[in-house]
């Protein structure tokens, strides 16, 4: 990678977010599931190229970490772009399901027994 490529790479995320450094909402974690709304709202303006890429990738449910990897962008930048899409009504967000607080005692017993055999 040339020095020019590295410099361009540093500027690109900043320009994608319009200079914003933080998402406007706290809806997005690494494991938040995002899905594009079908059909897209008629009143919504045509999406920017990165927004359109996200919508294509979200045709079926996908987690934020996978989106960031597919887009080759930092998660923080993807979260800002996802906020834009959520506020425009173009995506739905499903937070991760909470982990049950009661442990599965049978599973823990099997793990303990397995570790004891090592």
PDB file of N, CA and C in Angstrom:
ATOM      1  N   UNK A   1       0.854  -1.168   0.000  1.00  0.00           N
ATOM      2  CA  UNK A   1       0.000   0.000   0.000  1.00  0.00           C
ATOM      3  C   UNK A   1       0.895   1.225   0.000  1.00  0.00           C
ATOM      4  N   UNK A   2       0.634   2.157  -0.902  1.00  0.00           N
ATOM      5  CA  UNK A   2       1.443   3.361  -0.985  1.00  0.00           C
ATOM      6  C   UNK A   2       1.025   4.357   0.081  1.00  0.00           C
ATOM      7  N   UNK A   3       1.864   5.363   0.280  1.00  0.00           N
ATOM      8  CA  UNK A   3       1.563   6.372   1.285  1.00  0.00           C
ATOM      9  C   UNK A   3       0.271   7.117   0.937  1.00  0.00           C
ATOM     10  N   UNK A   4       0.019   7.337  -0.352  1.00  0.00           N
ATOM     11  CA  UNK A   4      -1.208   7.996  -0.780  1.00  0.00           C
ATOM     12  C   UNK A   4      -2.450   7.191  -0.445  1.00  0.00           C
ATOM     13  N   UNK A   5      -2.349   5.846  -0.584  1.00  0.00           N
ATOM     14  CA  UNK A   5      -3.476   4.990  -0.235  1.00  0.00           C
ATOM     15  C   UNK A   5      -3.794   5.081   1.249  1.00  0.00           C
ATOM     16  N   UNK A   6      -2.750   5.069   2.066  1.00  0.00           N
ATOM     17  CA  UNK A   6      -2.941   5.144   3.518  1.00  0.00           C
ATOM     18  C   UNK A   6      -3.590   6.463   3.903  1.00  0.00           C
ATOM     19  N   UNK A   7      -3.159   7.565   3.286  1.00  0.00           N
ATOM     20  CA  UNK A   7      -3.730   8.869   3.601  1.00  0.00           C
ATOM     21  C   UNK A   7      -5.194   8.921   3.179  1.00  0.00           C
ATOM     22  N   UNK A   8      -5.512   8.397   1.997  1.00  0.00           N
ATOM     23  CA  UNK A   8      -6.893   8.376   1.535  1.00  0.00           C
ATOM     24  C   UNK A   8      -7.775   7.543   2.433  1.00  0.00           C
ATOM     25  N   UNK A   9      -7.248   6.450   2.943  1.00  0.00           N
ATOM     26  CA  UNK A   9      -7.992   5.553   3.825  1.00  0.00           C
ATOM     27  C   UNK A   9      -8.369   6.251   5.120  1.00  0.00           C
ATOM     28  N   UNK A  10      -7.491   7.130   5.625  1.00  0.00           N
ATOM     29  CA  UNK A  10      -7.784   7.844   6.860  1.00  0.00           C
ATOM     30  C   UNK A  10      -8.872   8.891   6.673  1.00  0.00           C
ATOM     31  N   UNK A  11      -8.963   9.469   5.506  1.00  0.00           N
ATOM     32  CA  UNK A  11      -9.937  10.520   5.253  1.00  0.00           C
ATOM     33  C   UNK A  11     -11.306   9.933   4.959  1.00  0.00           C
ATOM     34  N   UNK A  12     -11.358   8.819   4.294  1.00  0.00           N
ATOM     35  CA  UNK A  12     -12.609   8.261   3.802  1.00  0.00           C
ATOM     36  C   UNK A  12     -13.696   8.082   4.867  1.00  0.00           C
ATOM     37  N   UNK A  13     -13.429   7.410   5.996  1.00  0.00           N
ATOM     38  CA  UNK A  13     -14.500   7.261   6.987  1.00  0.00           C
ATOM     39  C   UNK A  13     -15.038   8.609   7.479  1.00  0.00           C
ATOM     40  N   UNK A  14     -14.179   9.584   7.630  1.00  0.00           N
ATOM     41  CA  UNK A  14     -14.596  10.900   8.090  1.00  0.00           C
ATOM     42  C   UNK A  14     -15.559  11.536   7.092  1.00  0.00           C
ATOM     43  N   UNK A  15     -15.264  11.382   5.823  1.00  0.00           N
ATOM     44  CA  UNK A  15     -16.136  11.967   4.816  1.00  0.00           C
ATOM     45  C   UNK A  15     -17.444  11.190   4.693  1.00  0.00           C
ATOM     46  N   UNK A  16     -17.408   9.896   4.908  1.00  0.00           N
ATOM     47  CA  UNK A  16     -18.631   9.082   4.837  1.00  0.00           C
ATOM     48  C   UNK A  16     -19.648   9.505   5.889  1.00  0.00           C
ATOM     49  N   UNK A  17     -19.164   9.921   7.037  1.00  0.00           N
ATOM     50  CA  UNK A  17     -20.054  10.270   8.144  1.00  0.00           C
ATOM     51  C   UNK A  17     -20.366  11.758   8.189  1.00  0.00           C
ATOM     52  N   UNK A  18     -19.880  12.512   7.216  1.00  0.00           N
ATOM     53  CA  UNK A  18     -20.123  13.952   7.219  1.00  0.00           C
ATOM     54  C   UNK A  18     -19.448  14.641   8.389  1.00  0.00           C
ATOM     55  N   UNK A  19     -18.348  14.072   8.837  1.00  0.00           N
ATOM     56  CA  UNK A  19     -17.603  14.658   9.941  1.00  0.00           C
ATOM     57  C   UNK A  19     -18.066  14.217  11.318  1.00  0.00           C
ATOM     58  N   UNK A  20     -19.134  13.441  11.370  1.00  0.00           N
ATOM     59  CA  UNK A  20     -19.628  12.975  12.677  1.00  0.00           C
ATOM     60  C   UNK A  20     -18.695  11.899  13.224  1.00  0.00           C
ATOM     61  N   UNK A  21     -18.462  11.939  14.505  1.00  0.00           N
ATOM     62  CA  UNK A  21     -17.572  10.962  15.127  1.00  0.00           C
ATOM     63  C   UNK A  21     -18.301  10.016  16.065  1.00  0.00           C
ATOM     64  N   UNK A  22     -19.563  10.295  16.328  1.00  0.00           N
ATOM     65  CA  UNK A  22     -20.342   9.433  17.224  1.00  0.00           C
ATOM     66  C   UNK A  22     -21.733   9.205  16.627  1.00  0.00           C
ATOM     67  N   UNK A  23     -22.264   8.010  16.842  1.00  0.00           N
ATOM     68  CA  UNK A  23     -23.629   7.753  16.362  1.00  0.00           C
ATOM     69  C   UNK A  23     -24.628   8.620  17.137  1.00  0.00           C
ATOM     70  N   UNK A  24     -25.739   8.937  16.509  1.00  0.00           N
ATOM     71  CA  UNK A  24     -26.771   9.750  17.158  1.00  0.00           C
ATOM     72  C   UNK A  24     -27.636   8.929  18.112  1.00  0.00           C
ATOM     73  N   UNK A  25     -27.472   7.618  18.066  1.00  0.00           N
ATOM     74  CA  UNK A  25     -28.240   6.704  18.922  1.00  0.00           C
ATOM     75  C   UNK A  25     -27.312   5.641  19.478  1.00  0.00           C
ATOM     76  N   UNK A  26     -27.763   4.974  20.522  1.00  0.00           N
ATOM     77  CA  UNK A  26     -26.953   3.917  21.136  1.00  0.00           C
ATOM     78  C   UNK A  26     -27.523   2.534  20.836  1.00  0.00           C
ATOM     79  N   UNK A  27     -28.225   2.385  19.706  1.00  0.00           N
ATOM     80  CA  UNK A  27     -28.887   1.123  19.362  1.00  0.00           C
ATOM     81  C   UNK A  27     -27.932   0.029  18.912  1.00  0.00           C
ATOM     82  N   UNK A  28     -26.720   0.380  18.515  1.00  0.00           N
ATOM     83  CA  UNK A  28     -25.880  -0.570  17.808  1.00  0.00           C
ATOM     84  C   UNK A  28     -24.692  -1.055  18.631  1.00  0.00           C
ATOM     85  N   UNK A  29     -24.675  -2.380  18.851  1.00  0.00           N
ATOM     86  CA  UNK A  29     -23.521  -3.046  19.445  1.00  0.00           C
ATOM     87  C   UNK A  29     -22.954  -3.962  18.358  1.00  0.00           C
ATOM     88  N   UNK A  30     -21.870  -4.613  18.650  1.00  0.00           N
ATOM     89  CA  UNK A  30     -21.275  -5.524  17.671  1.00  0.00           C
ATOM     90  C   UNK A  30     -22.225  -6.635  17.254  1.00  0.00           C
ATOM     91  N   UNK A  31     -23.108  -7.057  18.169  1.00  0.00           N
ATOM     92  CA  UNK A  31     -23.976  -8.198  17.878  1.00  0.00           C
ATOM     93  C   UNK A  31     -25.443  -7.809  17.673  1.00  0.00           C
ATOM     94  N   UNK A  32     -25.695  -6.520  17.443  1.00  0.00           N
ATOM     95  CA  UNK A  32     -27.043  -6.080  17.090  1.00  0.00           C
ATOM     96  C   UNK A  32     -27.349  -6.557  15.680  1.00  0.00           C
ATOM     97  N   UNK A  33     -28.531  -7.114  15.473  1.00  0.00           N
ATOM     98  CA  UNK A  33     -28.935  -7.592  14.152  1.00  0.00           C
ATOM     99  C   UNK A  33     -29.684  -6.491  13.414  1.00  0.00           C
ATOM    100  N   UNK A  34     -29.330  -6.308  12.147  1.00  0.00           N
ATOM    101  CA  UNK A  34     -29.909  -5.262  11.311  1.00  0.00           C
ATOM    102  C   UNK A  34     -30.504  -5.917  10.064  1.00  0.00           C
ATOM    103  N   UNK A  35     -31.684  -5.441   9.653  1.00  0.00           N
ATOM    104  CA  UNK A  35     -32.346  -5.955   8.453  1.00  0.00           C
ATOM    105  C   UNK A  35     -32.917  -4.790   7.665  1.00  0.00           C
ATOM    106  N   UNK A  36     -32.761  -4.818   6.362  1.00  0.00           N
ATOM    107  CA  UNK A  36     -33.339  -3.779   5.502  1.00  0.00           C
ATOM    108  C   UNK A  36     -34.855  -3.914   5.482  1.00  0.00           C
ATOM    109  N   UNK A  37     -35.525  -2.787   5.428  1.00  0.00           N
ATOM    110  CA  UNK A  37     -36.979  -2.756   5.319  1.00  0.00           C
ATOM    111  C   UNK A  37     -37.345  -2.965   3.855  1.00  0.00           C
ATOM    112  N   UNK A  38     -38.301  -3.884   3.613  1.00  0.00           N
ATOM    113  CA  UNK A  38     -38.766  -4.134   2.238  1.00  0.00           C
ATOM    114  C   UNK A  38     -40.265  -3.977   2.195  1.00  0.00           C
ATOM    115  N   UNK A  39     -40.797  -3.214   1.300  1.00  0.00           N
ATOM    116  CA  UNK A  39     -40.098  -2.346   0.358  1.00  0.00           C
ATOM    117  C   UNK A  39     -39.581  -1.111   1.079  1.00  0.00           C
ATOM    118  N   UNK A  40     -38.619  -0.451   0.470  1.00  0.00           N
ATOM    119  CA  UNK A  40     -38.046   0.761   1.048  1.00  0.00           C
ATOM    120  C   UNK A  40     -39.106   1.855   1.067  1.00  0.00           C
ATOM    121  N   UNK A  41     -39.062   2.738   2.084  1.00  0.00           N
ATOM    122  CA  UNK A  41     -40.044   3.824   2.155  1.00  0.00           C
ATOM    123  C   UNK A  41     -40.001   4.691   0.897  1.00  0.00           C
ATOM    124  N   UNK A  42     -41.167   5.021   0.362  1.00  0.00           N
ATOM    125  CA  UNK A  42     -41.252   5.801  -0.877  1.00  0.00           C
ATOM    126  C   UNK A  42     -40.751   7.228  -0.680  1.00  0.00           C
ATOM    127  N   UNK A  43     -40.929   7.771   0.496  1.00  0.00           N
ATOM    128  CA  UNK A  43     -40.579   9.169   0.739  1.00  0.00           C
ATOM    129  C   UNK A  43     -39.078   9.375   0.961  1.00  0.00           C
ATOM    130  N   UNK A  44     -38.354   8.291   1.169  1.00  0.00           N
ATOM    131  CA  UNK A  44     -36.931   8.401   1.464  1.00  0.00           C
ATOM    132  C   UNK A  44     -36.141   8.789   0.224  1.00  0.00           C
ATOM    133  N   UNK A  45     -35.180   9.715   0.403  1.00  0.00           N
ATOM    134  CA  UNK A  45     -34.342  10.077  -0.741  1.00  0.00           C
ATOM    135  C   UNK A  45     -33.438   8.919  -1.142  1.00  0.00           C
ATOM    136  N   UNK A  46     -32.886   9.012  -2.330  1.00  0.00           N
ATOM    137  CA  UNK A  46     -31.992   7.971  -2.813  1.00  0.00           C
ATOM    138  C   UNK A  46     -30.788   7.865  -1.873  1.00  0.00           C
ATOM    139  N   UNK A  47     -30.445   6.653  -1.456  1.00  0.00           N
ATOM    140  CA  UNK A  47     -29.346   6.515  -0.493  1.00  0.00           C
ATOM    141  C   UNK A  47     -27.983   6.803  -1.124  1.00  0.00           C
ATOM    142  N   UNK A  48     -27.060   7.266  -0.291  1.00  0.00           N
ATOM    143  CA  UNK A  48     -25.675   7.451  -0.699  1.00  0.00           C
ATOM    144  C   UNK A  48     -25.085   6.069  -0.999  1.00  0.00           C
ATOM    145  N   UNK A  49     -23.972   5.990  -1.733  1.00  0.00           N
ATOM    146  CA  UNK A  49     -23.406   4.685  -2.108  1.00  0.00           C
ATOM    147  C   UNK A  49     -23.142   3.747  -0.928  1.00  0.00           C
ATOM    148  N   UNK A  50     -22.576   4.258   0.157  1.00  0.00           N
ATOM    149  CA  UNK A  50     -22.300   3.382   1.301  1.00  0.00           C
ATOM    150  C   UNK A  50     -23.586   2.921   1.968  1.00  0.00           C
ATOM    151  N   UNK A  51     -24.572   3.802   2.028  1.00  0.00           N
ATOM    152  CA  UNK A  51     -25.873   3.414   2.574  1.00  0.00           C
ATOM    153  C   UNK A  51     -26.501   2.323   1.707  1.00  0.00           C
ATOM    154  N   UNK A  52     -26.383   2.473   0.396  1.00  0.00           N
ATOM    155  CA  UNK A  52     -26.943   1.474  -0.531  1.00  0.00           C
ATOM    156  C   UNK A  52     -26.240   0.124  -0.351  1.00  0.00           C
ATOM    157  N   UNK A  53     -24.934   0.142  -0.147  1.00  0.00           N
ATOM    158  CA  UNK A  53     -24.198  -1.115   0.092  1.00  0.00           C
ATOM    159  C   UNK A  53     -24.696  -1.785   1.365  1.00  0.00           C
ATOM    160  N   UNK A  54     -24.907  -0.987   2.405  1.00  0.00           N
ATOM    161  CA  UNK A  54     -25.411  -1.549   3.661  1.00  0.00           C
ATOM    162  C   UNK A  54     -26.779  -2.171   3.437  1.00  0.00           C
ATOM    163  N   UNK A  55     -27.649  -1.480   2.715  1.00  0.00           N
ATOM    164  CA  UNK A  55     -28.993  -2.015   2.465  1.00  0.00           C
ATOM    165  C   UNK A  55     -28.942  -3.332   1.707  1.00  0.00           C
ATOM    166  N   UNK A  56     -28.035  -3.435   0.742  1.00  0.00           N
ATOM    167  CA  UNK A  56     -27.890  -4.707   0.012  1.00  0.00           C
ATOM    168  C   UNK A  56     -27.413  -5.812   0.954  1.00  0.00           C
ATOM    169  N   UNK A  57     -26.451  -5.491   1.810  1.00  0.00           N
ATOM    170  CA  UNK A  57     -25.930  -6.494   2.736  1.00  0.00           C
ATOM    171  C   UNK A  57     -26.962  -6.894   3.788  1.00  0.00           C
ATOM    172  N   UNK A  58     -27.908  -6.000   4.061  1.00  0.00           N
ATOM    173  CA  UNK A  58     -28.933  -6.258   5.075  1.00  0.00           C
ATOM    174  C   UNK A  58     -30.217  -6.824   4.483  1.00  0.00           C
ATOM    175  N   UNK A  59     -30.155  -7.320   3.265  1.00  0.00           N
ATOM    176  CA  UNK A  59     -31.351  -7.911   2.659  1.00  0.00           C
ATOM    177  C   UNK A  59     -31.873  -9.045   3.540  1.00  0.00           C
ATOM    178  N   UNK A  60     -30.975  -9.706   4.222  1.00  0.00           N
ATOM    179  CA  UNK A  60     -31.358 -10.690   5.244  1.00  0.00           C
ATOM    180  C   UNK A  60     -30.647 -10.253   6.526  1.00  0.00           C
ATOM    181  N   UNK A  61     -31.096 -10.692   7.681  1.00  0.00           N
ATOM    182  CA  UNK A  61     -30.521 -10.224   8.945  1.00  0.00           C
ATOM    183  C   UNK A  61     -29.004 -10.434   9.014  1.00  0.00           C
ATOM    184  N   UNK A  62     -28.307  -9.418   9.500  1.00  0.00           N
ATOM    185  CA  UNK A  62     -26.860  -9.469   9.637  1.00  0.00           C
ATOM    186  C   UNK A  62     -26.463  -8.658  10.874  1.00  0.00           C
ATOM    187  N   UNK A  63     -25.416  -9.080  11.559  1.00  0.00           N
ATOM    188  CA  UNK A  63     -24.975  -8.345  12.744  1.00  0.00           C
ATOM    189  C   UNK A  63     -24.016  -7.235  12.345  1.00  0.00           C
ATOM    190  N   UNK A  64     -23.925  -6.224  13.183  1.00  0.00           N
ATOM    191  CA  UNK A  64     -23.114  -5.039  12.907  1.00  0.00           C
ATOM    192  C   UNK A  64     -21.654  -5.408  12.649  1.00  0.00           C
ATOM    193  N   UNK A  65     -21.097  -6.320  13.411  1.00  0.00           N
ATOM    194  CA  UNK A  65     -19.690  -6.702  13.219  1.00  0.00           C
ATOM    195  C   UNK A  65     -19.459  -7.275  11.820  1.00  0.00           C
ATOM    196  N   UNK A  66     -20.398  -8.072  11.324  1.00  0.00           N
ATOM    197  CA  UNK A  66     -20.272  -8.626   9.973  1.00  0.00           C
ATOM    198  C   UNK A  66     -20.365  -7.526   8.918  1.00  0.00           C
ATOM    199  N   UNK A  67     -21.232  -6.553   9.139  1.00  0.00           N
ATOM    200  CA  UNK A  67     -21.338  -5.428   8.211  1.00  0.00           C
ATOM    201  C   UNK A  67     -20.025  -4.665   8.128  1.00  0.00           C
ATOM    202  N   UNK A  68     -19.444  -4.378   9.284  1.00  0.00           N
ATOM    203  CA  UNK A  68     -18.184  -3.637   9.317  1.00  0.00           C
ATOM    204  C   UNK A  68     -17.098  -4.393   8.565  1.00  0.00           C
ATOM    205  N   UNK A  69     -17.065  -5.701   8.741  1.00  0.00           N
ATOM    206  CA  UNK A  69     -16.077  -6.520   8.038  1.00  0.00           C
ATOM    207  C   UNK A  69     -16.329  -6.505   6.533  1.00  0.00           C
ATOM    208  N   UNK A  70     -17.567  -6.682   6.135  1.00  0.00           N
ATOM    209  CA  UNK A  70     -17.897  -6.709   4.704  1.00  0.00           C
ATOM    210  C   UNK A  70     -17.625  -5.361   4.035  1.00  0.00           C
ATOM    211  N   UNK A  71     -17.833  -4.275   4.774  1.00  0.00           N
ATOM    212  CA  UNK A  71     -17.618  -2.940   4.229  1.00  0.00           C
ATOM    213  C   UNK A  71     -16.175  -2.471   4.378  1.00  0.00           C
ATOM    214  N   UNK A  72     -15.401  -3.211   5.165  1.00  0.00           N
ATOM    215  CA  UNK A  72     -14.013  -2.837   5.464  1.00  0.00           C
ATOM    216  C   UNK A  72     -13.951  -1.432   6.064  1.00  0.00           C
ATOM    217  N   UNK A  73     -14.842  -1.200   7.039  1.00  0.00           N
ATOM    218  CA  UNK A  73     -14.917   0.080   7.732  1.00  0.00           C
ATOM    219  C   UNK A  73     -14.910  -0.152   9.235  1.00  0.00           C
ATOM    220  N   UNK A  74     -14.452   0.826   9.999  1.00  0.00           N
ATOM    221  CA  UNK A  74     -14.529   0.703  11.459  1.00  0.00           C
ATOM    222  C   UNK A  74     -15.984   0.588  11.920  1.00  0.00           C
ATOM    223  N   UNK A  75     -16.207  -0.153  12.981  1.00  0.00           N
ATOM    224  CA  UNK A  75     -17.556  -0.346  13.519  1.00  0.00           C
ATOM    225  C   UNK A  75     -18.185   0.999  13.861  1.00  0.00           C
ATOM    226  N   UNK A  76     -17.403   1.931  14.380  1.00  0.00           N
ATOM    227  CA  UNK A  76     -17.947   3.239  14.751  1.00  0.00           C
ATOM    228  C   UNK A  76     -18.526   3.970  13.537  1.00  0.00           C
ATOM    229  N   UNK A  77     -17.886   3.851  12.398  1.00  0.00           N
ATOM    230  CA  UNK A  77     -18.380   4.483  11.170  1.00  0.00           C
ATOM    231  C   UNK A  77     -19.647   3.782  10.701  1.00  0.00           C
ATOM    232  N   UNK A  78     -19.654   2.463  10.754  1.00  0.00           N
ATOM    233  CA  UNK A  78     -20.839   1.696  10.350  1.00  0.00           C
ATOM    234  C   UNK A  78     -22.018   2.049  11.257  1.00  0.00           C
ATOM    235  N   UNK A  79     -21.783   2.213  12.539  1.00  0.00           N
ATOM    236  CA  UNK A  79     -22.865   2.578  13.466  1.00  0.00           C
ATOM    237  C   UNK A  79     -23.464   3.936  13.104  1.00  0.00           C
ATOM    238  N   UNK A  80     -22.642   4.876  12.713  1.00  0.00           N
ATOM    239  CA  UNK A  80     -23.140   6.193  12.305  1.00  0.00           C
ATOM    240  C   UNK A  80     -23.995   6.068  11.039  1.00  0.00           C
ATOM    241  N   UNK A  81     -23.520   5.292  10.074  1.00  0.00           N
ATOM    242  CA  UNK A  81     -24.284   5.089   8.843  1.00  0.00           C
ATOM    243  C   UNK A  81     -25.591   4.351   9.126  1.00  0.00           C
ATOM    244  N   UNK A  82     -25.563   3.389  10.046  1.00  0.00           N
ATOM    245  CA  UNK A  82     -26.776   2.663  10.410  1.00  0.00           C
ATOM    246  C   UNK A  82     -27.781   3.586  11.096  1.00  0.00           C
ATOM    247  N   UNK A  83     -27.308   4.524  11.886  1.00  0.00           N
ATOM    248  CA  UNK A  83     -28.212   5.503  12.505  1.00  0.00           C
ATOM    249  C   UNK A  83     -28.958   6.295  11.438  1.00  0.00           C
ATOM    250  N   UNK A  84     -28.235   6.699  10.395  1.00  0.00           N
ATOM    251  CA  UNK A  84     -28.875   7.417   9.287  1.00  0.00           C
ATOM    252  C   UNK A  84     -30.004   6.579   8.692  1.00  0.00           C
ATOM    253  N   UNK A  85     -29.711   5.308   8.438  1.00  0.00           N
ATOM    254  CA  UNK A  85     -30.698   4.416   7.813  1.00  0.00           C
ATOM    255  C   UNK A  85     -31.869   4.133   8.745  1.00  0.00           C
ATOM    256  N   UNK A  86     -31.599   3.977  10.031  1.00  0.00           N
ATOM    257  CA  UNK A  86     -32.673   3.733  10.993  1.00  0.00           C
ATOM    258  C   UNK A  86     -33.588   4.941  11.087  1.00  0.00           C
ATOM    259  N   UNK A  87     -33.006   6.114  11.150  1.00  0.00           N
ATOM    260  CA  UNK A  87     -33.804   7.341  11.252  1.00  0.00           C
ATOM    261  C   UNK A  87     -34.610   7.602   9.978  1.00  0.00           C
ATOM    262  N   UNK A  88     -34.138   7.095   8.847  1.00  0.00           N
ATOM    263  CA  UNK A  88     -34.864   7.232   7.575  1.00  0.00           C
ATOM    264  C   UNK A  88     -35.903   6.125   7.390  1.00  0.00           C
ATOM    265  N   UNK A  89     -35.983   5.194   8.333  1.00  0.00           N
ATOM    266  CA  UNK A  89     -36.951   4.109   8.239  1.00  0.00           C
ATOM    267  C   UNK A  89     -36.569   3.033   7.245  1.00  0.00           C
ATOM    268  N   UNK A  90     -35.282   2.932   6.914  1.00  0.00           N
ATOM    269  CA  UNK A  90     -34.825   1.973   5.903  1.00  0.00           C
ATOM    270  C   UNK A  90     -34.360   0.641   6.475  1.00  0.00           C
ATOM    271  N   UNK A  91     -34.123   0.577   7.785  1.00  0.00           N
ATOM    272  CA  UNK A  91     -33.696  -0.677   8.417  1.00  0.00           C
ATOM    273  C   UNK A  91     -34.473  -0.889   9.705  1.00  0.00           C
ATOM    274  N   UNK A  92     -34.499  -2.132  10.138  1.00  0.00           N
ATOM    275  CA  UNK A  92     -35.000  -2.461  11.467  1.00  0.00           C
ATOM    276  C   UNK A  92     -33.826  -2.998  12.275  1.00  0.00           C
ATOM    277  N   UNK A  93     -33.909  -2.811  13.565  1.00  0.00           N
ATOM    278  CA  UNK A  93     -32.834  -3.202  14.470  1.00  0.00           C
ATOM    279  C   UNK A  93     -33.390  -4.150  15.513  1.00  0.00           C
ATOM    280  N   UNK A  94     -32.651  -5.225  15.742  1.00  0.00           N
ATOM    281  CA  UNK A  94     -33.039  -6.191  16.765  1.00  0.00           C
ATOM    282  C   UNK A  94     -31.870  -6.343  17.720  1.00  0.00           C
ATOM    283  N   UNK A  95     -32.036  -5.853  18.955  1.00  0.00           N
ATOM    284  CA  UNK A  95     -30.941  -5.981  19.918  1.00  0.00           C
ATOM    285  C   UNK A  95     -30.678  -7.445  20.234  1.00  0.00           C
ATOM    286  N   UNK A  96     -29.480  -7.737  20.700  1.00  0.00           N
ATOM    287  CA  UNK A  96     -29.176  -9.131  21.051  1.00  0.00           C
ATOM    288  C   UNK A  96     -30.105  -9.607  22.162  1.00  0.00           C
ATOM    289  N   UNK A  97     -30.438 -10.880  22.084  1.00  0.00           N
ATOM    290  CA  UNK A  97     -31.280 -11.447  23.140  1.00  0.00           C
ATOM    291  C   UNK A  97     -30.462 -11.538  24.421  1.00  0.00           C
ATOM    292  N   UNK A  98     -31.067 -11.169  25.542  1.00  0.00           N
ATOM    293  CA  UNK A  98     -30.321 -11.253  26.797  1.00  0.00           C
ATOM    294  C   UNK A  98     -29.993 -12.711  27.142  1.00  0.00           C
ATOM    295  N   UNK A  99     -28.857 -12.887  27.716  1.00  0.00           N
ATOM    296  CA  UNK A  99     -28.434 -14.208  28.164  1.00  0.00           C
ATOM    297  C   UNK A  99     -29.214 -14.531  29.428  1.00  0.00           C
ATOM    298  N   UNK A 100     -29.687 -15.758  29.523  1.00  0.00           N
ATOM    299  CA  UNK A 100     -30.426 -16.136  30.724  1.00  0.00           C
ATOM    300  C   UNK A 100     -29.508 -16.064  31.935  1.00  0.00           C
ATOM    301  N   UNK A 101     -30.055 -15.634  33.000  1.00  0.00           N
ATOM    302  CA  UNK A 101     -29.266 -15.472  34.222  1.00  0.00           C
ATOM    303  C   UNK A 101     -29.121 -16.788  34.984  1.00  0.00           C
ATOM    304  N   UNK A 102     -29.995 -17.739  34.701  1.00  0.00           N
ATOM    305  CA  UNK A 102     -29.905 -19.013  35.405  1.00  0.00           C
ATOM    306  C   UNK A 102     -29.046 -19.968  34.585  1.00  0.00           C
ATOM    307  N   UNK A 103     -27.969 -20.449  35.155  1.00  0.00           N
ATOM    308  CA  UNK A 103     -27.088 -21.341  34.399  1.00  0.00           C
ATOM    309  C   UNK A 103     -27.742 -22.698  34.164  1.00  0.00           C
ATOM    310  N   UNK A 104     -27.363 -23.327  33.085  1.00  0.00           N
ATOM    311  CA  UNK A 104     -27.816 -24.671  32.781  1.00  0.00           C
ATOM    312  C   UNK A 104     -26.935 -25.620  33.586  1.00  0.00           C
ATOM    313  N   UNK A 105     -27.460 -26.093  34.696  1.00  0.00           N
ATOM    314  CA  UNK A 105     -26.660 -26.919  35.617  1.00  0.00           C
ATOM    315  C   UNK A 105     -26.200 -28.214  34.971  1.00  0.00           C
ATOM    316  N   UNK A 106     -27.025 -28.799  34.127  1.00  0.00           N
ATOM    317  CA  UNK A 106     -26.638 -30.028  33.444  1.00  0.00           C
ATOM    318  C   UNK A 106     -25.430 -29.777  32.539  1.00  0.00           C
ATOM    319  N   UNK A 107     -25.458 -28.671  31.803  1.00  0.00           N
ATOM    320  CA  UNK A 107     -24.344 -28.326  30.929  1.00  0.00           C
ATOM    321  C   UNK A 107     -23.084 -28.048  31.744  1.00  0.00           C
ATOM    322  N   UNK A 108     -23.225 -27.323  32.825  1.00  0.00           N
ATOM    323  CA  UNK A 108     -22.058 -27.039  33.671  1.00  0.00           C
ATOM    324  C   UNK A 108     -21.453 -28.323  34.237  1.00  0.00           C
ATOM    325  N   UNK A 109     -22.308 -29.268  34.610  1.00  0.00           N
ATOM    326  CA  UNK A 109     -21.838 -30.555  35.134  1.00  0.00           C
ATOM    327  C   UNK A 109     -21.041 -31.306  34.061  1.00  0.00           C
ATOM    328  N   UNK A 110     -21.559 -31.299  32.828  1.00  0.00           N
ATOM    329  CA  UNK A 110     -20.866 -31.979  31.725  1.00  0.00           C
ATOM    330  C   UNK A 110     -19.514 -31.324  31.436  1.00  0.00           C
ATOM    331  N   UNK A 111     -19.470 -30.009  31.474  1.00  0.00           N
ATOM    332  CA  UNK A 111     -18.212 -29.302  31.259  1.00  0.00           C
ATOM    333  C   UNK A 111     -17.218 -29.647  32.367  1.00  0.00           C
ATOM    334  N   UNK A 112     -17.682 -29.633  33.609  1.00  0.00           N
ATOM    335  CA  UNK A 112     -16.805 -29.975  34.746  1.00  0.00           C
ATOM    336  C   UNK A 112     -16.285 -31.401  34.613  1.00  0.00           C
ATOM    337  N   UNK A 113     -17.152 -32.337  34.242  1.00  0.00           N
ATOM    338  CA  UNK A 113     -16.738 -33.720  34.076  1.00  0.00           C
ATOM    339  C   UNK A 113     -15.728 -33.852  32.931  1.00  0.00           C
ATOM    340  N   UNK A 114     -15.979 -33.141  31.834  1.00  0.00           N
ATOM    341  CA  UNK A 114     -15.066 -33.181  30.698  1.00  0.00           C
ATOM    342  C   UNK A 114     -13.707 -32.618  31.061  1.00  0.00           C
ATOM    343  N   UNK A 115     -13.689 -31.530  31.792  1.00  0.00           N
ATOM    344  CA  UNK A 115     -12.419 -30.939  32.211  1.00  0.00           C
ATOM    345  C   UNK A 115     -11.681 -31.860  33.181  1.00  0.00           C
ATOM    346  N   UNK A 116     -12.450 -32.563  34.017  1.00  0.00           N
ATOM    347  CA  UNK A 116     -11.837 -33.496  34.951  1.00  0.00           C
ATOM    348  C   UNK A 116     -11.149 -34.678  34.238  1.00  0.00           C
ATOM    349  N   UNK A 117     -11.661 -35.035  33.069  1.00  0.00           N
ATOM    350  CA  UNK A 117     -11.064 -36.138  32.311  1.00  0.00           C
ATOM    351  C   UNK A 117      -9.807 -35.717  31.571  1.00  0.00           C
ATOM    352  N   UNK A 118      -9.563 -34.431  31.442  1.00  0.00           N
ATOM    353  CA  UNK A 118      -8.348 -33.962  30.744  1.00  0.00           C
ATOM    354  C   UNK A 118      -7.182 -34.225  31.595  1.00  0.00           C
TER     355      UNK A 118
END
